[in-house]
Every structure is written in structure tokens, then in C-alpha cells.
């Protein structure tokens, strides 16, 4: 495993297209908006680039945090009076 300019280890995997060694790079947009893939796969041999599977992805979407019913009541009471 090589190192990047910053001294961090470069992660590698196999290219799904040509099976050559490909680099995994961090997705700069991960966590912003709809970007759900943490890594991008880049193959130097064939030029393929795409999204890499997230290693901790269990396939199930996470449930949104529920708003406590008391808080929702207070907000509605403030907005609509009562």
C-alpha cells in the first residue's frame, strides 16, 4: 500500500471493469445533500471511475429522529394559537 503526499496510506481495491488495481479516494461531497457514497473508485489502467460500496452500509435506510409529541404540540399551539 502506497502513501499519499500527506503521508496517509492510499487505499486500493480491484477495478470492477478490468480487475486491475484501483485507488479509493474520499468523496468530497459525502454527507452533503444526497451524497451517500463515502468513497470513489478510480482505475489508472482503464480509466474507470465510479462510486465504491460503503464498507459499513447495511442496506437499510436509517429512520429519521422522531420529534417528541410535546414539542410538536407546543410548536403548533404557538403557530396557530390555542
PDB file of N, CA and C in Angstrom:
ATOM      1  N   UNK A   1       0.851  -1.176   0.000  1.00  0.00           N
ATOM      2  CA  UNK A   1       0.000   0.000   0.000  1.00  0.00           C
ATOM      3  C   UNK A   1       0.890   1.231   0.000  1.00  0.00           C
ATOM      4  N   UNK A   2       0.675   2.155  -0.926  1.00  0.00           N
ATOM      5  CA  UNK A   2       1.470   3.363  -1.026  1.00  0.00           C
ATOM      6  C   UNK A   2       0.975   4.432  -0.073  1.00  0.00           C
ATOM      7  N   UNK A   3       1.627   5.592  -0.141  1.00  0.00           N
ATOM      8  CA  UNK A   3       1.216   6.709   0.696  1.00  0.00           C
ATOM      9  C   UNK A   3       0.919   7.907  -0.183  1.00  0.00           C
ATOM     10  N   UNK A   4       0.001   8.740   0.279  1.00  0.00           N
ATOM     11  CA  UNK A   4      -0.316   9.977  -0.423  1.00  0.00           C
ATOM     12  C   UNK A   4       0.701  11.038  -0.020  1.00  0.00           C
ATOM     13  N   UNK A   5       0.585  12.233  -0.580  1.00  0.00           N
ATOM     14  CA  UNK A   5       1.518  13.309  -0.258  1.00  0.00           C
ATOM     15  C   UNK A   5       1.459  13.688   1.213  1.00  0.00           C
ATOM     16  N   UNK A   6       0.290  13.563   1.830  1.00  0.00           N
ATOM     17  CA  UNK A   6       0.139  13.907   3.236  1.00  0.00           C
ATOM     18  C   UNK A   6       0.645  12.827   4.177  1.00  0.00           C
ATOM     19  N   UNK A   7       1.084  11.686   3.648  1.00  0.00           N
ATOM     20  CA  UNK A   7       1.603  10.616   4.476  1.00  0.00           C
ATOM     21  C   UNK A   7       0.565   9.595   4.906  1.00  0.00           C
ATOM     22  N   UNK A   8      -0.699   9.790   4.509  1.00  0.00           N
ATOM     23  CA  UNK A   8      -1.735   8.825   4.865  1.00  0.00           C
ATOM     24  C   UNK A   8      -1.694   7.657   3.894  1.00  0.00           C
ATOM     25  N   UNK A   9      -2.007   6.447   4.350  1.00  0.00           N
ATOM     26  CA  UNK A   9      -1.945   5.292   3.450  1.00  0.00           C
ATOM     27  C   UNK A   9      -2.997   5.395   2.346  1.00  0.00           C
ATOM     28  N   UNK A  10      -2.603   5.028   1.128  1.00  0.00           N
ATOM     29  CA  UNK A  10      -3.508   5.033  -0.009  1.00  0.00           C
ATOM     30  C   UNK A  10      -4.249   3.692  -0.013  1.00  0.00           C
ATOM     31  N   UNK A  11      -5.551   3.750  -0.076  1.00  0.00           N
ATOM     32  CA  UNK A  11      -6.341   2.522  -0.074  1.00  0.00           C
ATOM     33  C   UNK A  11      -6.550   2.043  -1.497  1.00  0.00           C
ATOM     34  N   UNK A  12      -6.514   0.726  -1.670  1.00  0.00           N
ATOM     35  CA  UNK A  12      -6.649   0.145  -3.002  1.00  0.00           C
ATOM     36  C   UNK A  12      -7.679  -0.976  -2.997  1.00  0.00           C
ATOM     37  N   UNK A  13      -8.232  -1.225  -4.159  1.00  0.00           N
ATOM     38  CA  UNK A  13      -9.179  -2.319  -4.364  1.00  0.00           C
ATOM     39  C   UNK A  13      -9.045  -2.769  -5.816  1.00  0.00           C
ATOM     40  N   UNK A  14      -9.912  -3.646  -6.257  1.00  0.00           N
ATOM     41  CA  UNK A  14      -9.906  -4.112  -7.648  1.00  0.00           C
ATOM     42  C   UNK A  14     -10.946  -3.356  -8.462  1.00  0.00           C
ATOM     43  N   UNK A  15     -10.586  -3.017  -9.696  1.00  0.00           N
ATOM     44  CA  UNK A  15     -11.496  -2.348 -10.614  1.00  0.00           C
ATOM     45  C   UNK A  15     -12.570  -3.351 -11.044  1.00  0.00           C
ATOM     46  N   UNK A  16     -13.846  -2.991 -10.986  1.00  0.00           N
ATOM     47  CA  UNK A  16     -14.904  -3.915 -11.405  1.00  0.00           C
ATOM     48  C   UNK A  16     -14.930  -4.152 -12.914  1.00  0.00           C
ATOM     49  N   UNK A  17     -14.263  -3.281 -13.674  1.00  0.00           N
ATOM     50  CA  UNK A  17     -14.288  -3.397 -15.127  1.00  0.00           C
ATOM     51  C   UNK A  17     -13.127  -4.240 -15.664  1.00  0.00           C
ATOM     52  N   UNK A  18     -11.887  -3.928 -15.234  1.00  0.00           N
ATOM     53  CA  UNK A  18     -10.726  -4.632 -15.793  1.00  0.00           C
ATOM     54  C   UNK A  18      -9.984  -5.488 -14.762  1.00  0.00           C
ATOM     55  N   UNK A  19     -10.418  -5.456 -13.508  1.00  0.00           N
ATOM     56  CA  UNK A  19      -9.818  -6.220 -12.407  1.00  0.00           C
ATOM     57  C   UNK A  19      -8.402  -5.778 -12.068  1.00  0.00           C
ATOM     58  N   UNK A  20      -7.966  -4.633 -12.539  1.00  0.00           N
ATOM     59  CA  UNK A  20      -6.661  -4.093 -12.201  1.00  0.00           C
ATOM     60  C   UNK A  20      -6.757  -3.405 -10.836  1.00  0.00           C
ATOM     61  N   UNK A  21      -5.629  -3.007 -10.289  1.00  0.00           N
ATOM     62  CA  UNK A  21      -5.624  -2.298  -9.008  1.00  0.00           C
ATOM     63  C   UNK A  21      -6.191  -0.893  -9.217  1.00  0.00           C
ATOM     64  N   UNK A  22      -7.109  -0.505  -8.352  1.00  0.00           N
ATOM     65  CA  UNK A  22      -7.726   0.818  -8.434  1.00  0.00           C
ATOM     66  C   UNK A  22      -7.598   1.508  -7.084  1.00  0.00           C
ATOM     67  N   UNK A  23      -7.561   2.821  -7.109  1.00  0.00           N
ATOM     68  CA  UNK A  23      -7.450   3.602  -5.871  1.00  0.00           C
ATOM     69  C   UNK A  23      -8.836   3.950  -5.341  1.00  0.00           C
ATOM     70  N   UNK A  24      -8.950   4.009  -4.025  1.00  0.00           N
ATOM     71  CA  UNK A  24     -10.148   4.510  -3.370  1.00  0.00           C
ATOM     72  C   UNK A  24      -9.828   5.898  -2.835  1.00  0.00           C
ATOM     73  N   UNK A  25     -10.607   6.880  -3.244  1.00  0.00           N
ATOM     74  CA  UNK A  25     -10.399   8.247  -2.764  1.00  0.00           C
ATOM     75  C   UNK A  25     -11.673   8.720  -2.080  1.00  0.00           C
ATOM     76  N   UNK A  26     -11.525   9.594  -1.094  1.00  0.00           N
ATOM     77  CA  UNK A  26     -12.682  10.117  -0.361  1.00  0.00           C
ATOM     78  C   UNK A  26     -13.556  10.959  -1.286  1.00  0.00           C
ATOM     79  N   UNK A  27     -14.861  10.789  -1.178  1.00  0.00           N
ATOM     80  CA  UNK A  27     -15.808  11.596  -1.929  1.00  0.00           C
ATOM     81  C   UNK A  27     -15.913  12.955  -1.229  1.00  0.00           C
ATOM     82  N   UNK A  28     -15.505  14.039  -1.886  1.00  0.00           N
ATOM     83  CA  UNK A  28     -15.533  15.344  -1.218  1.00  0.00           C
ATOM     84  C   UNK A  28     -16.948  15.831  -0.915  1.00  0.00           C
ATOM     85  N   UNK A  29     -17.946  15.238  -1.536  1.00  0.00           N
ATOM     86  CA  UNK A  29     -19.333  15.663  -1.321  1.00  0.00           C
ATOM     87  C   UNK A  29     -20.080  14.758  -0.345  1.00  0.00           C
ATOM     88  N   UNK A  30     -19.398  13.757   0.226  1.00  0.00           N
ATOM     89  CA  UNK A  30     -20.054  12.814   1.141  1.00  0.00           C
ATOM     90  C   UNK A  30     -20.622  13.559   2.339  1.00  0.00           C
ATOM     91  N   UNK A  31     -21.885  13.280   2.642  1.00  0.00           N
ATOM     92  CA  UNK A  31     -22.550  13.906   3.776  1.00  0.00           C
ATOM     93  C   UNK A  31     -23.260  15.194   3.435  1.00  0.00           C
ATOM     94  N   UNK A  32     -23.034  15.730   2.253  1.00  0.00           N
ATOM     95  CA  UNK A  32     -23.697  16.964   1.839  1.00  0.00           C
ATOM     96  C   UNK A  32     -24.800  16.620   0.848  1.00  0.00           C
ATOM     97  N   UNK A  33     -25.986  17.015   1.150  1.00  0.00           N
ATOM     98  CA  UNK A  33     -27.099  16.740   0.239  1.00  0.00           C
ATOM     99  C   UNK A  33     -27.393  15.260   0.135  1.00  0.00           C
ATOM    100  N   UNK A  34     -27.400  14.756  -1.080  1.00  0.00           N
ATOM    101  CA  UNK A  34     -27.761  13.355  -1.307  1.00  0.00           C
ATOM    102  C   UNK A  34     -26.554  12.447  -1.513  1.00  0.00           C
ATOM    103  N   UNK A  35     -25.342  12.934  -1.305  1.00  0.00           N
ATOM    104  CA  UNK A  35     -24.148  12.108  -1.497  1.00  0.00           C
ATOM    105  C   UNK A  35     -24.055  11.066  -0.384  1.00  0.00           C
ATOM    106  N   UNK A  36     -24.271   9.801  -0.730  1.00  0.00           N
ATOM    107  CA  UNK A  36     -24.279   8.737   0.278  1.00  0.00           C
ATOM    108  C   UNK A  36     -23.080   7.807   0.161  1.00  0.00           C
ATOM    109  N   UNK A  37     -22.272   7.962  -0.867  1.00  0.00           N
ATOM    110  CA  UNK A  37     -21.088   7.111  -1.039  1.00  0.00           C
ATOM    111  C   UNK A  37     -19.874   7.831  -0.467  1.00  0.00           C
ATOM    112  N   UNK A  38     -19.208   7.200   0.502  1.00  0.00           N
ATOM    113  CA  UNK A  38     -18.076   7.850   1.154  1.00  0.00           C
ATOM    114  C   UNK A  38     -16.805   7.794   0.318  1.00  0.00           C
ATOM    115  N   UNK A  39     -16.718   6.831  -0.621  1.00  0.00           N
ATOM    116  CA  UNK A  39     -15.505   6.668  -1.416  1.00  0.00           C
ATOM    117  C   UNK A  39     -15.806   6.624  -2.906  1.00  0.00           C
ATOM    118  N   UNK A  40     -14.835   7.084  -3.696  1.00  0.00           N
ATOM    119  CA  UNK A  40     -14.883   6.976  -5.149  1.00  0.00           C
ATOM    120  C   UNK A  40     -13.787   6.016  -5.579  1.00  0.00           C
ATOM    121  N   UNK A  41     -14.056   5.215  -6.592  1.00  0.00           N
ATOM    122  CA  UNK A  41     -13.101   4.240  -7.106  1.00  0.00           C
ATOM    123  C   UNK A  41     -12.532   4.789  -8.410  1.00  0.00           C
ATOM    124  N   UNK A  42     -11.199   4.839  -8.526  1.00  0.00           N
ATOM    125  CA  UNK A  42     -10.542   5.380  -9.705  1.00  0.00           C
ATOM    126  C   UNK A  42      -9.505   4.373 -10.180  1.00  0.00           C
ATOM    127  N   UNK A  43      -9.648   3.891 -11.432  1.00  0.00           N
ATOM    128  CA  UNK A  43      -8.711   2.917 -12.004  1.00  0.00           C
ATOM    129  C   UNK A  43      -7.775   3.636 -12.967  1.00  0.00           C
ATOM    130  N   UNK A  44      -6.482   3.480 -12.739  1.00  0.00           N
ATOM    131  CA  UNK A  44      -5.493   4.108 -13.601  1.00  0.00           C
ATOM    132  C   UNK A  44      -5.301   3.321 -14.898  1.00  0.00           C
ATOM    133  N   UNK A  45      -5.606   2.018 -14.883  1.00  0.00           N
ATOM    134  CA  UNK A  45      -5.374   1.167 -16.051  1.00  0.00           C
ATOM    135  C   UNK A  45      -6.398   1.412 -17.164  1.00  0.00           C
ATOM    136  N   UNK A  46      -7.693   1.401 -16.826  1.00  0.00           N
ATOM    137  CA  UNK A  46      -8.715   1.528 -17.869  1.00  0.00           C
ATOM    138  C   UNK A  46      -9.464   2.851 -17.829  1.00  0.00           C
ATOM    139  N   UNK A  47      -9.230   3.666 -16.798  1.00  0.00           N
ATOM    140  CA  UNK A  47      -9.889   4.962 -16.712  1.00  0.00           C
ATOM    141  C   UNK A  47     -11.252   4.936 -16.061  1.00  0.00           C
ATOM    142  N   UNK A  48     -11.678   3.781 -15.558  1.00  0.00           N
ATOM    143  CA  UNK A  48     -12.981   3.674 -14.907  1.00  0.00           C
ATOM    144  C   UNK A  48     -12.987   4.505 -13.633  1.00  0.00           C
ATOM    145  N   UNK A  49     -14.084   5.195 -13.395  1.00  0.00           N
ATOM    146  CA  UNK A  49     -14.288   5.868 -12.111  1.00  0.00           C
ATOM    147  C   UNK A  49     -15.757   5.729 -11.759  1.00  0.00           C
ATOM    148  N   UNK A  50     -16.016   5.527 -10.494  1.00  0.00           N
ATOM    149  CA  UNK A  50     -17.386   5.351 -10.041  1.00  0.00           C
ATOM    150  C   UNK A  50     -17.445   5.324  -8.533  1.00  0.00           C
ATOM    151  N   UNK A  51     -18.622   5.051  -8.020  1.00  0.00           N
ATOM    152  CA  UNK A  51     -18.828   5.008  -6.584  1.00  0.00           C
ATOM    153  C   UNK A  51     -18.414   3.651  -6.037  1.00  0.00           C
ATOM    154  N   UNK A  52     -17.696   3.659  -4.930  1.00  0.00           N
ATOM    155  CA  UNK A  52     -17.329   2.425  -4.246  1.00  0.00           C
ATOM    156  C   UNK A  52     -18.389   2.117  -3.200  1.00  0.00           C
ATOM    157  N   UNK A  53     -18.603   0.844  -2.927  1.00  0.00           N
ATOM    158  CA  UNK A  53     -19.560   0.461  -1.893  1.00  0.00           C
ATOM    159  C   UNK A  53     -19.057   0.914  -0.540  1.00  0.00           C
ATOM    160  N   UNK A  54     -19.956   1.415   0.282  1.00  0.00           N
ATOM    161  CA  UNK A  54     -19.595   1.799   1.636  1.00  0.00           C
ATOM    162  C   UNK A  54     -19.362   0.534   2.450  1.00  0.00           C
ATOM    163  N   UNK A  55     -18.246   0.432   3.158  1.00  0.00           N
ATOM    164  CA  UNK A  55     -17.959  -0.786   3.913  1.00  0.00           C
ATOM    165  C   UNK A  55     -18.922  -1.042   5.060  1.00  0.00           C
ATOM    166  N   UNK A  56     -19.504  -0.003   5.629  1.00  0.00           N
ATOM    167  CA  UNK A  56     -20.417  -0.184   6.754  1.00  0.00           C
ATOM    168  C   UNK A  56     -21.884  -0.065   6.356  1.00  0.00           C
ATOM    169  N   UNK A  57     -22.173  -0.116   5.061  1.00  0.00           N
ATOM    170  CA  UNK A  57     -23.545   0.019   4.572  1.00  0.00           C
ATOM    171  C   UNK A  57     -24.293  -1.289   4.787  1.00  0.00           C
ATOM    172  N   UNK A  58     -25.353  -1.237   5.587  1.00  0.00           N
ATOM    173  CA  UNK A  58     -26.141  -2.441   5.838  1.00  0.00           C
ATOM    174  C   UNK A  58     -27.351  -2.542   4.924  1.00  0.00           C
ATOM    175  N   UNK A  59     -27.529  -1.565   4.032  1.00  0.00           N
ATOM    176  CA  UNK A  59     -28.607  -1.625   3.063  1.00  0.00           C
ATOM    177  C   UNK A  59     -29.929  -1.065   3.549  1.00  0.00           C
ATOM    178  N   UNK A  60     -30.093  -0.908   4.846  1.00  0.00           N
ATOM    179  CA  UNK A  60     -31.350  -0.395   5.383  1.00  0.00           C
ATOM    180  C   UNK A  60     -31.228   1.102   5.611  1.00  0.00           C
ATOM    181  N   UNK A  61     -32.191   1.881   5.146  1.00  0.00           N
ATOM    182  CA  UNK A  61     -32.138   3.314   5.397  1.00  0.00           C
ATOM    183  C   UNK A  61     -32.343   3.601   6.878  1.00  0.00           C
ATOM    184  N   UNK A  62     -31.689   4.632   7.374  1.00  0.00           N
ATOM    185  CA  UNK A  62     -31.829   4.984   8.772  1.00  0.00           C
ATOM    186  C   UNK A  62     -33.111   5.769   8.984  1.00  0.00           C
ATOM    187  N   UNK A  63     -33.767   5.481  10.077  1.00  0.00           N
ATOM    188  CA  UNK A  63     -35.015   6.169  10.400  1.00  0.00           C
ATOM    189  C   UNK A  63     -34.708   7.591  10.868  1.00  0.00           C
ATOM    190  N   UNK A  64     -35.565   8.512  10.493  1.00  0.00           N
ATOM    191  CA  UNK A  64     -35.402   9.884  10.938  1.00  0.00           C
ATOM    192  C   UNK A  64     -35.748   9.978  12.420  1.00  0.00           C
ATOM    193  N   UNK A  65     -35.077  10.869  13.100  1.00  0.00           N
ATOM    194  CA  UNK A  65     -35.339  11.037  14.530  1.00  0.00           C
ATOM    195  C   UNK A  65     -36.752  11.574  14.719  1.00  0.00           C
ATOM    196  N   UNK A  66     -37.476  10.983  15.637  1.00  0.00           N
ATOM    197  CA  UNK A  66     -38.855  11.392  15.901  1.00  0.00           C
ATOM    198  C   UNK A  66     -38.874  12.643  16.768  1.00  0.00           C
ATOM    199  N   UNK A  67     -39.779  13.560  16.443  1.00  0.00           N
ATOM    200  CA  UNK A  67     -39.965  14.753  17.251  1.00  0.00           C
ATOM    201  C   UNK A  67     -40.860  14.391  18.432  1.00  0.00           C
ATOM    202  N   UNK A  68     -40.459  14.750  19.641  1.00  0.00           N
ATOM    203  CA  UNK A  68     -41.309  14.435  20.799  1.00  0.00           C
ATOM    204  C   UNK A  68     -42.683  15.073  20.639  1.00  0.00           C
ATOM    205  N   UNK A  69     -43.750  14.333  20.971  1.00  0.00           N
ATOM    206  CA  UNK A  69     -45.104  14.862  20.766  1.00  0.00           C
ATOM    207  C   UNK A  69     -45.370  16.154  21.532  1.00  0.00           C
ATOM    208  N   UNK A  70     -44.786  16.317  22.707  1.00  0.00           N
ATOM    209  CA  UNK A  70     -44.992  17.539  23.477  1.00  0.00           C
ATOM    210  C   UNK A  70     -44.423  18.757  22.763  1.00  0.00           C
ATOM    211  N   UNK A  71     -43.279  18.592  22.148  1.00  0.00           N
ATOM    212  CA  UNK A  71     -42.648  19.691  21.420  1.00  0.00           C
ATOM    213  C   UNK A  71     -43.494  20.071  20.211  1.00  0.00           C
ATOM    214  N   UNK A  72     -43.988  19.076  19.491  1.00  0.00           N
ATOM    215  CA  UNK A  72     -44.819  19.349  18.318  1.00  0.00           C
ATOM    216  C   UNK A  72     -46.086  20.092  18.724  1.00  0.00           C
ATOM    217  N   UNK A  73     -46.693  19.701  19.826  1.00  0.00           N
ATOM    218  CA  UNK A  73     -47.896  20.382  20.310  1.00  0.00           C
ATOM    219  C   UNK A  73     -47.603  21.844  20.621  1.00  0.00           C
ATOM    220  N   UNK A  74     -46.480  22.108  21.288  1.00  0.00           N
ATOM    221  CA  UNK A  74     -46.129  23.486  21.630  1.00  0.00           C
ATOM    222  C   UNK A  74     -45.878  24.323  20.384  1.00  0.00           C
ATOM    223  N   UNK A  75     -45.235  23.738  19.394  1.00  0.00           N
ATOM    224  CA  UNK A  75     -44.976  24.474  18.153  1.00  0.00           C
ATOM    225  C   UNK A  75     -46.282  24.797  17.446  1.00  0.00           C
ATOM    226  N   UNK A  76     -47.175  23.816  17.334  1.00  0.00           N
ATOM    227  CA  UNK A  76     -48.466  24.062  16.694  1.00  0.00           C
ATOM    228  C   UNK A  76     -49.300  25.073  17.457  1.00  0.00           C
ATOM    229  N   UNK A  77     -49.265  25.007  18.773  1.00  0.00           N
ATOM    230  CA  UNK A  77     -50.009  25.961  19.597  1.00  0.00           C
ATOM    231  C   UNK A  77     -49.459  27.369  19.378  1.00  0.00           C
ATOM    232  N   UNK A  78     -48.132  27.500  19.272  1.00  0.00           N
ATOM    233  CA  UNK A  78     -47.523  28.808  19.033  1.00  0.00           C
ATOM    234  C   UNK A  78     -47.906  29.354  17.663  1.00  0.00           C
ATOM    235  N   UNK A  79     -47.885  28.478  16.640  1.00  0.00           N
ATOM    236  CA  UNK A  79     -48.188  28.920  15.278  1.00  0.00           C
ATOM    237  C   UNK A  79     -49.654  29.277  15.080  1.00  0.00           C
ATOM    238  N   UNK A  80     -50.534  28.444  15.595  1.00  0.00           N
ATOM    239  CA  UNK A  80     -51.958  28.614  15.310  1.00  0.00           C
ATOM    240  C   UNK A  80     -52.762  29.151  16.491  1.00  0.00           C
ATOM    241  N   UNK A  81     -52.122  29.364  17.615  1.00  0.00           N
ATOM    242  CA  UNK A  81     -52.804  29.895  18.800  1.00  0.00           C
ATOM    243  C   UNK A  81     -53.677  28.811  19.447  1.00  0.00           C
ATOM    244  N   UNK A  82     -53.886  28.936  20.673  1.00  0.00           N
ATOM    245  CA  UNK A  82     -54.760  27.944  21.300  1.00  0.00           C
ATOM    246  C   UNK A  82     -54.486  27.653  22.672  1.00  0.00           C
TER     247      UNK A  82
END
